[in-house]
N, C-alpha and C. Protein backbone atom coordinates (compact mmCIF):
# COMPACT_ATOMS: atom_id res chain seq x y z
N UNK A 1 -3.20 -20.06 7.39
CA UNK A 1 -2.27 -20.42 6.61
C UNK A 1 -2.13 -19.79 5.34
N UNK A 2 -1.43 -19.48 4.76
CA UNK A 2 -1.18 -18.87 3.57
C UNK A 2 -0.51 -20.04 2.38
N UNK A 3 -1.07 -20.61 1.84
CA UNK A 3 -0.67 -21.59 0.78
C UNK A 3 0.56 -21.56 -0.25
N UNK A 4 0.31 -20.15 -0.40
CA UNK A 4 1.46 -19.42 -1.11
C UNK A 4 2.99 -19.28 -0.71
N UNK A 5 3.15 -19.03 0.60
CA UNK A 5 4.25 -18.68 1.05
C UNK A 5 4.64 -19.52 2.36
N UNK A 6 5.71 -19.47 3.05
CA UNK A 6 6.15 -20.42 3.78
C UNK A 6 5.58 -20.39 4.80
N UNK A 7 5.42 -21.75 5.59
CA UNK A 7 4.54 -22.11 7.36
C UNK A 7 5.40 -20.86 8.20
N UNK A 8 4.08 -20.23 8.73
CA UNK A 8 4.71 -19.04 9.61
C UNK A 8 4.78 -17.75 8.90
N UNK A 9 4.15 -17.71 7.99
CA UNK A 9 4.49 -16.41 7.12
C UNK A 9 3.17 -16.32 7.12
N UNK A 10 2.66 -14.99 7.60
CA UNK A 10 1.22 -14.48 7.48
C UNK A 10 1.06 -13.01 7.23
N UNK A 11 0.59 -12.85 5.43
CA UNK A 11 0.30 -11.81 4.96
C UNK A 11 -0.89 -11.48 4.59
N UNK A 12 -1.84 -10.85 5.71
CA UNK A 12 -2.88 -10.60 5.58
C UNK A 12 -3.28 -9.18 4.86
N UNK A 13 -4.39 -8.99 4.28
CA UNK A 13 -4.31 -7.90 3.39
C UNK A 13 -3.79 -7.78 2.35
N UNK A 14 -3.58 -8.65 1.66
CA UNK A 14 -2.60 -9.09 0.17
C UNK A 14 -2.91 -7.82 -0.64
N UNK A 15 -2.00 -6.86 -1.60
CA UNK A 15 -2.33 -6.51 -2.89
C UNK A 15 -1.01 -7.35 -4.02
N UNK A 16 -1.94 -7.61 -4.95
CA UNK A 16 -0.62 -8.61 -5.86
C UNK A 16 -0.54 -7.17 -7.26
N UNK A 17 0.54 -7.44 -7.38
CA UNK A 17 0.80 -6.39 -8.49
C UNK A 17 1.36 -7.31 -9.41
N UNK A 18 1.50 -7.03 -10.80
CA UNK A 18 2.56 -7.67 -12.07
C UNK A 18 3.36 -6.48 -12.64
N UNK A 19 4.52 -6.49 -12.39
CA UNK A 19 5.11 -5.58 -13.08
C UNK A 19 6.17 -6.01 -14.48
N UNK A 20 6.78 -5.10 -15.28
CA UNK A 20 7.08 -5.32 -16.31
C UNK A 20 8.24 -6.78 -16.45
N UNK A 21 8.87 -6.73 -15.46
CA UNK A 21 9.60 -7.64 -15.17
C UNK A 21 9.30 -9.04 -15.35
N UNK A 22 7.74 -9.03 -15.45
CA UNK A 22 7.27 -10.65 -15.88
C UNK A 22 7.09 -11.55 -14.08
N UNK A 23 6.87 -10.56 -13.13
CA UNK A 23 7.13 -11.16 -11.81
C UNK A 23 5.65 -10.68 -11.64
N UNK A 24 5.14 -11.65 -10.37
CA UNK A 24 4.08 -10.89 -9.39
C UNK A 24 4.49 -10.66 -8.07
N UNK A 25 4.15 -9.40 -7.66
CA UNK A 25 4.75 -9.04 -6.38
C UNK A 25 3.07 -8.95 -5.23
N UNK A 26 4.04 -9.37 -4.35
CA UNK A 26 2.53 -9.35 -3.37
C UNK A 26 3.20 -8.52 -2.08
N UNK A 27 2.24 -7.50 -1.87
CA UNK A 27 2.20 -6.31 -0.76
C UNK A 27 1.02 -6.77 0.22
N UNK A 28 1.40 -6.53 1.30
CA UNK A 28 0.34 -6.75 2.65
C UNK A 28 0.99 -6.67 3.92
N UNK A 29 -0.27 -6.40 4.70
CA UNK A 29 0.32 -6.33 5.98
C UNK A 29 0.89 -7.37 6.39
N UNK A 30 1.74 -7.62 7.48
CA UNK A 30 2.75 -8.68 7.98
C UNK A 30 2.60 -9.11 9.71
N UNK A 31 1.72 -10.32 9.86
CA UNK A 31 1.32 -10.98 11.15
C UNK A 31 2.79 -11.59 11.17
N UNK A 32 2.99 -11.50 12.43
CA UNK A 32 4.43 -11.89 13.28
C UNK A 32 3.77 -13.04 14.11
N UNK A 33 4.52 -14.39 13.88
CA UNK A 33 3.66 -15.62 14.29
C UNK A 33 4.14 -15.77 16.26
N UNK A 34 3.56 -15.72 17.00
CA UNK A 34 3.46 -15.82 18.09
C UNK A 34 3.04 -14.29 19.02
N UNK A 35 2.95 -13.19 18.01
CA UNK A 35 2.61 -11.91 19.06
C UNK A 35 1.01 -11.91 18.80
N UNK A 36 0.48 -11.94 19.77
CA UNK A 36 -1.06 -11.29 20.55
C UNK A 36 -1.68 -10.25 19.30
N UNK A 37 -1.02 -9.24 18.81
CA UNK A 37 -1.44 -8.13 18.16
C UNK A 37 -1.54 -8.73 16.62
N UNK A 38 -2.52 -8.25 15.47
CA UNK A 38 -2.51 -8.56 14.37
C UNK A 38 -1.54 -7.34 13.91
N UNK A 39 -0.87 -7.57 12.76
CA UNK A 39 -0.11 -6.68 12.14
C UNK A 39 1.15 -6.14 12.81
N UNK A 40 2.30 -5.95 11.85
CA UNK A 40 3.41 -5.31 12.38
C UNK A 40 4.09 -4.54 11.96
N UNK A 41 5.11 -3.95 12.73
CA UNK A 41 5.39 -2.34 12.47
C UNK A 41 6.54 -2.58 11.08
N UNK A 42 6.18 -3.57 10.46
CA UNK A 42 7.08 -3.99 8.88
C UNK A 42 6.44 -4.49 8.18
N UNK A 43 6.84 -4.31 6.59
CA UNK A 43 6.15 -4.64 5.43
C UNK A 43 7.36 -5.70 4.84
N UNK A 44 6.88 -6.56 4.08
CA UNK A 44 7.93 -7.82 3.62
C UNK A 44 7.13 -7.78 2.09
N UNK A 45 8.03 -8.08 1.05
CA UNK A 45 7.74 -8.74 -0.15
C UNK A 45 8.03 -9.37 -0.58
N UNK A 46 7.05 -10.26 -1.33
CA UNK A 46 7.19 -11.79 -1.92
C UNK A 46 7.01 -11.39 -3.40
N UNK A 47 7.49 -11.95 -4.28
CA UNK A 47 7.32 -12.05 -5.76
C UNK A 47 8.06 -13.34 -6.05
N UNK A 48 7.41 -13.47 -7.42
CA UNK A 48 7.18 -14.97 -8.04
C UNK A 48 7.06 -15.10 -9.78
N UNK A 49 7.85 -16.17 -10.27
CA UNK A 49 7.56 -15.56 -11.69
C UNK A 49 6.72 -16.61 -12.20
N UNK A 50 6.35 -17.97 -11.29
CA UNK A 50 5.87 -18.91 -11.68
C UNK A 50 4.33 -19.01 -11.11
N UNK A 51 4.14 -18.73 -9.82
CA UNK A 51 3.10 -18.85 -8.57
C UNK A 51 3.29 -19.81 -8.22
N UNK A 52 4.56 -20.50 -7.98
CA UNK A 52 4.72 -21.82 -7.26
C UNK A 52 6.22 -21.42 -6.64
N UNK A 53 6.76 -20.50 -7.02
CA UNK A 53 8.19 -20.57 -6.08
C UNK A 53 7.96 -19.17 -5.63
N UNK A 54 8.54 -18.71 -4.36
CA UNK A 54 8.20 -17.61 -3.98
C UNK A 54 9.33 -17.08 -3.54
N UNK A 55 9.72 -15.74 -3.70
CA UNK A 55 10.98 -15.06 -3.03
C UNK A 55 10.53 -14.10 -2.24
N UNK A 56 11.52 -14.31 -0.45
CA UNK A 56 11.20 -13.14 0.69
C UNK A 56 11.70 -12.61 0.04
N UNK A 57 11.77 -11.17 -0.41
CA UNK A 57 12.86 -9.93 -0.74
C UNK A 57 13.01 -9.22 0.86
N UNK A 58 12.36 -10.01 2.20
CA UNK A 58 13.00 -8.90 3.24
C UNK A 58 12.12 -8.03 3.80
N UNK A 59 12.58 -6.99 4.62
CA UNK A 59 11.53 -5.97 4.88
C UNK A 59 11.84 -4.96 4.52
N UNK A 60 10.58 -4.49 3.31
CA UNK A 60 10.86 -3.48 2.32
C UNK A 60 10.28 -1.87 3.28
N UNK A 61 9.97 -2.19 4.18
CA UNK A 61 9.09 -0.47 4.80
C UNK A 61 9.05 -1.19 6.10
N UNK A 62 9.53 -0.18 7.20
CA UNK A 62 9.02 -0.26 8.48
C UNK A 62 8.63 0.95 9.19
N UNK A 63 8.09 1.19 10.33
CA UNK A 63 7.14 2.19 10.97
C UNK A 63 7.84 2.42 12.38
N UNK A 64 8.62 1.66 12.86
CA UNK A 64 9.27 1.67 14.29
C UNK A 64 10.80 1.13 14.15
N UNK A 65 11.65 1.70 15.29
CA UNK A 65 13.11 1.47 15.51
C UNK A 65 14.22 2.39 14.35
N UNK A 66 14.97 1.89 14.59
CA UNK A 66 16.01 2.60 13.91
C UNK A 66 16.12 3.00 12.34
N UNK A 67 15.69 2.32 11.49
CA UNK A 67 15.37 2.30 10.32
C UNK A 67 14.01 2.55 9.91
N UNK A 68 13.02 2.89 10.78
CA UNK A 68 11.77 3.59 10.35
C UNK A 68 12.25 4.54 9.54
N UNK A 69 10.91 4.15 8.65
CA UNK A 69 10.35 5.26 7.24
C UNK A 69 9.72 6.18 7.83
N UNK A 70 8.54 6.22 8.60
CA UNK A 70 7.76 7.07 9.12
C UNK A 70 8.14 7.80 10.28
N UNK A 71 8.35 9.35 10.05
CA UNK A 71 8.96 9.96 11.01
C UNK A 71 7.44 10.41 11.80
N UNK A 72 6.41 10.27 11.59
CA UNK A 72 5.59 10.85 12.38
C UNK A 72 4.73 9.94 13.20
N UNK A 73 5.12 8.65 13.15
CA UNK A 73 4.19 8.03 14.11
C UNK A 73 5.00 6.58 14.03
N UNK A 74 4.99 5.70 15.12
CA UNK A 74 5.62 4.23 15.20
C UNK A 74 4.45 3.29 15.47
N UNK A 75 3.29 3.69 14.93
CA UNK A 75 1.97 2.70 14.74
C UNK A 75 1.87 1.31 13.89
N UNK A 76 1.63 0.18 14.20
CA UNK A 76 1.61 -0.40 13.08
C UNK A 76 1.08 -0.02 11.88
N UNK A 77 1.75 -0.91 10.87
CA UNK A 77 1.19 -0.48 9.61
C UNK A 77 -0.03 -1.67 8.87
N UNK A 78 -1.01 -1.39 8.47
CA UNK A 78 -1.88 -2.18 7.74
C UNK A 78 -1.65 -1.98 6.32
N UNK A 79 -2.70 -2.47 5.79
CA UNK A 79 -3.03 -3.03 4.34
C UNK A 79 -2.28 -1.96 3.22
N UNK A 80 -1.16 -2.18 2.70
CA UNK A 80 -0.72 -1.74 1.60
C UNK A 80 -1.05 -1.48 0.24
N UNK A 81 -0.43 -0.49 -0.66
CA UNK A 81 -1.02 -0.83 -2.01
C UNK A 81 0.60 -0.18 -2.96
N UNK A 82 0.63 -0.81 -3.99
CA UNK A 82 2.59 -0.18 -4.84
C UNK A 82 1.99 0.11 -5.92
N UNK A 83 2.31 0.97 -6.36
CA UNK A 83 1.92 1.68 -8.06
C UNK A 83 3.39 1.82 -8.59
N UNK A 84 3.48 1.34 -9.67
CA UNK A 84 4.71 2.19 -10.44
C UNK A 84 4.43 3.26 -11.57
N UNK A 85 4.97 4.17 -11.68
CA UNK A 85 4.71 5.60 -12.20
C UNK A 85 6.18 6.21 -13.02
N UNK A 86 6.29 6.02 -14.00
CA UNK A 86 7.77 6.61 -14.23
C UNK A 86 8.94 5.82 -13.77
N UNK A 87 8.83 4.64 -13.32
CA UNK A 87 10.19 3.78 -13.30
C UNK A 87 10.36 4.15 -11.55
N UNK A 88 9.31 4.67 -11.11
CA UNK A 88 9.33 4.72 -9.41
C UNK A 88 8.42 3.80 -8.95
N UNK A 89 8.47 3.34 -7.70
CA UNK A 89 7.51 2.54 -7.13
C UNK A 89 7.09 3.26 -5.81
N UNK A 90 6.19 3.64 -5.87
CA UNK A 90 4.76 4.53 -4.73
C UNK A 90 4.25 3.42 -3.59
N UNK A 91 4.28 3.21 -2.72
CA UNK A 91 4.21 1.92 -1.69
C UNK A 91 2.77 3.00 -1.00
N UNK A 92 1.62 3.06 -1.08
CA UNK A 92 1.02 3.42 0.08
C UNK A 92 0.55 3.03 1.07
N UNK A 93 0.34 3.08 2.11
CA UNK A 93 0.14 2.61 3.38
C UNK A 93 -0.49 3.17 4.37
N UNK A 94 -1.15 2.40 5.45
CA UNK A 94 -2.02 3.01 6.50
C UNK A 94 -1.49 2.29 7.75
N UNK A 95 -1.99 3.30 8.54
CA UNK A 95 -1.66 2.87 9.91
C UNK A 95 -2.66 2.72 11.12
N UNK A 96 -2.49 1.77 12.18
CA UNK A 96 -3.52 1.81 13.32
C UNK A 96 -4.07 2.86 13.65
N UNK A 97 -3.10 4.22 13.56
CA UNK A 97 -3.82 5.31 14.21
C UNK A 97 -4.74 5.95 13.14
N UNK A 98 -4.68 5.29 12.14
CA UNK A 98 -5.58 6.08 10.95
C UNK A 98 -5.21 6.79 10.13
N UNK A 99 -3.83 7.05 10.08
CA UNK A 99 -2.63 8.10 9.12
C UNK A 99 -2.44 7.12 7.85
N UNK A 100 -2.37 7.72 6.97
CA UNK A 100 -2.01 7.16 5.66
C UNK A 100 -0.73 8.12 5.26
N UNK A 101 0.13 7.33 4.64
CA UNK A 101 1.28 7.89 3.82
C UNK A 101 2.02 7.26 2.49
N UNK A 102 2.98 7.51 1.75
CA UNK A 102 3.16 6.82 0.46
C UNK A 102 4.77 6.99 1.14
N UNK A 103 5.85 6.41 0.50
CA UNK A 103 6.79 6.23 0.17
C UNK A 103 7.51 5.51 -0.89
N UNK A 104 8.59 6.39 -1.47
CA UNK A 104 9.08 5.53 -2.74
C UNK A 104 10.44 4.71 -3.02
N UNK A 105 10.72 4.10 -4.20
CA UNK A 105 11.33 3.29 -4.10
C UNK A 105 11.63 3.05 -5.48
N UNK A 106 12.82 2.51 -5.71
CA UNK A 106 13.40 2.53 -6.95
C UNK A 106 13.42 1.12 -7.88
N UNK A 107 12.76 0.01 -6.73
CA UNK A 107 12.72 -1.47 -7.29
C UNK A 107 10.92 -2.01 -6.48
N UNK A 108 10.60 -2.89 -7.25
CA UNK A 108 9.22 -3.40 -6.97
C UNK A 108 9.20 -3.73 -5.28
N UNK A 109 10.48 -4.58 -4.85
CA UNK A 109 10.72 -4.75 -3.58
C UNK A 109 10.90 -3.91 -2.82
N UNK A 110 11.62 -2.79 -2.87
CA UNK A 110 12.03 -1.95 -2.08
C UNK A 110 13.28 -1.62 -2.04
N UNK A 111 14.11 -1.56 -0.98
CA UNK A 111 13.39 -0.71 0.09
C UNK A 111 13.04 0.99 -0.33
N UNK A 112 11.72 1.15 0.28
CA UNK A 112 10.82 2.48 0.12
C UNK A 112 11.21 3.35 1.16
N UNK A 113 11.45 4.47 0.98
CA UNK A 113 11.98 5.41 2.02
C UNK A 113 11.10 6.72 1.76
N UNK A 114 11.64 7.60 2.22
CA UNK A 114 11.46 9.72 2.09
C UNK A 114 9.49 9.37 2.15
N UNK A 115 9.03 9.07 3.24
CA UNK A 115 7.68 8.83 3.34
C UNK A 115 7.21 10.36 3.51
N UNK A 116 5.79 10.18 3.25
CA UNK A 116 5.30 11.63 3.29
C UNK A 116 3.73 11.62 3.98
N UNK A 117 2.89 12.25 4.66
CA UNK A 117 1.45 11.69 4.64
C UNK A 117 0.52 12.26 3.50
N UNK A 118 -0.36 11.37 3.22
CA UNK A 118 -0.99 11.68 2.00
C UNK A 118 -2.16 12.74 2.19
N UNK A 119 -1.55 13.74 1.37
CA UNK A 119 -2.49 15.25 1.46
C UNK A 119 -4.01 14.62 1.47
N UNK A 120 -4.51 14.98 1.86
CA UNK A 120 -6.24 15.17 2.02
C UNK A 120 -6.65 14.21 2.13
N UNK A 121 -6.28 13.13 3.18
CA UNK A 121 -6.95 11.69 3.62
C UNK A 121 -7.35 11.79 4.67
N UNK A 122 -7.20 13.10 5.63
CA UNK A 122 -7.97 13.32 6.41
C UNK A 122 -7.99 12.35 7.95
N UNK A 123 -6.62 11.39 7.82
CA UNK A 123 -6.77 10.65 9.02
C UNK A 123 -8.12 9.58 9.22
N UNK A 124 -8.94 9.61 8.44
CA UNK A 124 -9.70 8.73 8.76
C UNK A 124 -10.16 7.50 7.56
N UNK A 125 -9.14 7.20 7.07
CA UNK A 125 -9.05 5.79 5.90
C UNK A 125 -7.89 5.00 6.36
N UNK A 126 -8.57 3.19 6.17
CA UNK A 126 -7.71 2.28 5.86
C UNK A 126 -7.43 1.88 4.50
N UNK A 127 -6.58 1.15 4.15
CA UNK A 127 -6.66 0.29 3.08
C UNK A 127 -6.61 1.10 2.11
N UNK A 128 -5.37 1.54 1.27
CA UNK A 128 -5.39 2.19 0.05
C UNK A 128 -5.49 1.56 -0.81
N UNK A 129 -6.50 2.31 -2.30
CA UNK A 129 -6.13 1.30 -3.46
C UNK A 129 -5.43 2.30 -4.26
N UNK A 130 -4.63 2.08 -5.33
CA UNK A 130 -4.10 3.17 -6.56
C UNK A 130 -3.95 2.68 -7.74
N UNK A 131 -4.58 3.67 -8.67
CA UNK A 131 -4.68 3.31 -9.94
C UNK A 131 -4.21 4.22 -10.79
N UNK A 132 -3.37 3.68 -11.98
CA UNK A 132 -2.67 4.87 -12.40
C UNK A 132 -3.04 4.19 -14.21
N UNK A 133 -3.60 4.69 -15.05
CA UNK A 133 -3.60 4.18 -16.24
C UNK A 133 -4.07 5.12 -17.77
N UNK A 134 -4.19 4.60 -18.53
CA UNK A 134 -4.74 5.68 -19.56
C UNK A 134 -5.88 6.68 -19.18
N UNK A 135 -7.22 6.00 -18.78
CA UNK A 135 -8.02 6.81 -18.22
C UNK A 135 -7.90 7.48 -17.38
N UNK A 136 -7.10 6.95 -16.32
CA UNK A 136 -7.00 7.19 -15.19
C UNK A 136 -5.50 7.36 -14.54
N UNK A 137 -5.02 9.04 -14.85
CA UNK A 137 -3.41 9.11 -14.80
C UNK A 137 -2.79 9.07 -13.10
N UNK A 138 -3.71 8.78 -12.07
CA UNK A 138 -3.40 9.12 -11.12
C UNK A 138 -4.73 8.79 -10.31
N UNK A 139 -5.22 7.83 -9.28
CA UNK A 139 -6.54 7.82 -8.91
C UNK A 139 -6.41 7.17 -7.55
N UNK A 140 -6.14 7.62 -6.53
CA UNK A 140 -6.20 7.33 -5.03
C UNK A 140 -7.53 6.77 -4.32
N UNK A 141 -7.79 5.53 -3.75
CA UNK A 141 -9.16 5.56 -3.03
C UNK A 141 -8.92 4.98 -1.73
N UNK A 142 -9.69 5.50 -0.69
CA UNK A 142 -9.08 5.19 0.48
C UNK A 142 -10.14 4.90 1.44
N UNK A 143 -10.62 4.19 2.38
CA UNK A 143 -12.12 3.56 3.00
C UNK A 143 -11.73 3.79 4.53
N UNK A 144 -12.53 3.21 4.95
CA UNK A 144 -14.04 2.48 4.71
C UNK A 144 -14.98 3.49 4.15
N UNK A 145 -15.00 4.78 4.44
CA UNK A 145 -15.64 5.78 4.32
C UNK A 145 -15.24 6.21 2.42
N UNK A 146 -15.97 6.00 1.39
CA UNK A 146 -15.07 6.10 0.64
C UNK A 146 -15.16 7.74 0.32
N UNK A 147 -13.70 7.55 -0.48
CA UNK A 147 -12.88 9.01 -0.58
C UNK A 147 -12.23 8.54 -1.95
N UNK A 148 -12.15 9.16 -3.08
CA UNK A 148 -11.59 9.12 -4.20
C UNK A 148 -10.93 10.10 -4.93
N UNK A 149 -9.72 10.17 -5.16
CA UNK A 149 -9.63 11.51 -6.19
C UNK A 149 -8.66 11.00 -7.05
N UNK A 150 -8.23 12.24 -8.01
CA UNK A 150 -6.83 12.14 -8.72
C UNK A 150 -5.56 12.55 -7.77
N UNK A 151 -4.64 11.91 -7.98
CA UNK A 151 -3.62 11.94 -7.67
C UNK A 151 -2.71 13.02 -8.11
N UNK A 152 -1.76 13.67 -6.92
CA UNK A 152 -1.20 14.77 -7.25
C UNK A 152 -0.02 14.62 -8.06
N UNK A 153 0.55 15.67 -8.97
CA UNK A 153 1.83 15.35 -9.52
C UNK A 153 3.24 14.90 -8.78
N UNK A 154 2.73 14.85 -7.41
CA UNK A 154 4.13 14.49 -6.74
C UNK A 154 3.69 13.02 -6.03
N UNK A 155 2.62 12.42 -6.83
CA UNK A 155 1.88 11.12 -6.03
C UNK A 155 1.73 11.03 -4.76
N UNK A 156 2.02 12.25 -3.95
CA UNK A 156 1.33 12.58 -2.31
C UNK A 156 0.15 12.54 -1.99
N UNK A 157 -0.84 12.71 -2.68
CA UNK A 157 -1.86 13.14 -2.00
C UNK A 157 -2.73 13.47 -3.36
N UNK A 158 -3.80 14.06 -3.05
CA UNK A 158 -5.16 14.31 -3.99
C UNK A 158 -5.02 15.46 -4.91
N UNK A 159 -5.10 15.28 -5.99
CA UNK A 159 -5.18 16.83 -6.81
C UNK A 159 -6.50 18.01 -6.42
N UNK A 160 -6.20 19.02 -6.38
CA UNK A 160 -7.17 20.19 -6.01
C UNK A 160 -8.32 19.57 -6.88
N UNK A 161 -9.27 20.14 -6.11
CA UNK A 161 -11.10 19.83 -6.71
C UNK A 161 -11.11 18.63 -7.59
N UNK A 162 -10.42 17.60 -7.11
CA UNK A 162 -10.54 16.34 -7.36
C UNK A 162 -11.25 15.53 -6.47
N UNK A 163 -11.11 15.83 -5.40
CA UNK A 163 -11.52 15.02 -4.13
C UNK A 163 -13.22 14.72 -4.42
N UNK A 164 -13.82 13.39 -4.27
CA UNK A 164 -14.79 13.29 -3.77
C UNK A 164 -14.90 12.35 -2.66
N UNK A 165 -15.57 12.74 -1.42
CA UNK A 165 -15.54 11.97 -0.29
C UNK A 165 -16.94 10.85 -0.08
N UNK A 166 -17.55 10.99 -0.70
CA UNK A 166 -18.55 9.54 -1.45
C UNK A 166 -18.61 9.59 -2.81
N UNK A 167 -17.83 8.74 -3.51
CA UNK A 167 -18.01 8.28 -5.07
C UNK A 167 -19.72 7.84 -5.05
N UNK A 168 -19.91 8.22 -5.87
CA UNK A 168 -21.53 7.41 -6.55
C UNK A 168 -21.40 6.03 -6.45
N UNK A 169 -22.55 5.46 -5.60
CA UNK A 169 -22.42 4.33 -4.90
C UNK A 169 -23.83 3.23 -6.15
N UNK A 170 -22.77 2.15 -6.58
CA UNK A 170 -23.88 1.46 -7.32
C UNK A 170 -23.79 0.17 -6.41
N UNK A 171 -25.16 -0.40 -5.87
CA UNK A 171 -25.01 -1.90 -5.65
C UNK A 171 -23.93 -1.80 -4.15
N UNK A 172 -22.74 -2.52 -4.10
CA UNK A 172 -21.97 -2.79 -3.32
C UNK A 172 -20.74 -2.07 -3.29
N UNK A 173 -20.63 -1.43 -4.46
CA UNK A 173 -19.32 -1.14 -4.71
C UNK A 173 -19.59 0.29 -5.33
N UNK A 174 -18.57 1.20 -5.38
CA UNK A 174 -18.30 2.74 -5.89
C UNK A 174 -18.24 2.82 -7.84
N UNK A 175 -18.80 3.60 -8.06
CA UNK A 175 -18.74 3.53 -9.75
C UNK A 175 -17.84 4.87 -9.69
N UNK A 176 -16.76 5.06 -10.58
CA UNK A 176 -15.88 5.74 -10.57
C UNK A 176 -15.91 6.69 -11.96
N UNK A 177 -16.47 7.94 -12.34
CA UNK A 177 -16.86 8.25 -13.27
C UNK A 177 -15.81 9.67 -13.86
């Protein structure tokens, strides 16, 4: 049971992001109560301005059904991450078939649309992590086999000659240099 969200709401693999509106947004897989399988074909986004009261923004993206945002697969959606660049929100997702994709939205809660596969991901990664900042103008990390590289201009994959299949490891983590 997640103590932040209403009873019956299960959001494993959560990623929290604070955006310029002062709210904390929670992105994650969505387990449906009563289903025997974990993770569903939908994502929901939750946000809070005080970490006590949370808003359920509803379904932000789905991989199955009439409103599917993934034209190449109807597999369940796993651990997403979201990043904001130049006023656009990029939702990076992975699926049960090891496919990775990125969809775009105009607001942190979505809806996210126009999904494309992540170029250079090779279909063997889960749980994307995305960083954008002064030192890293765009960095995508995909696991379980560490793969890191700078994002291309369209944020849809790795820039040429930037991909490292195995970033140098130190202890239990990866060092980015």
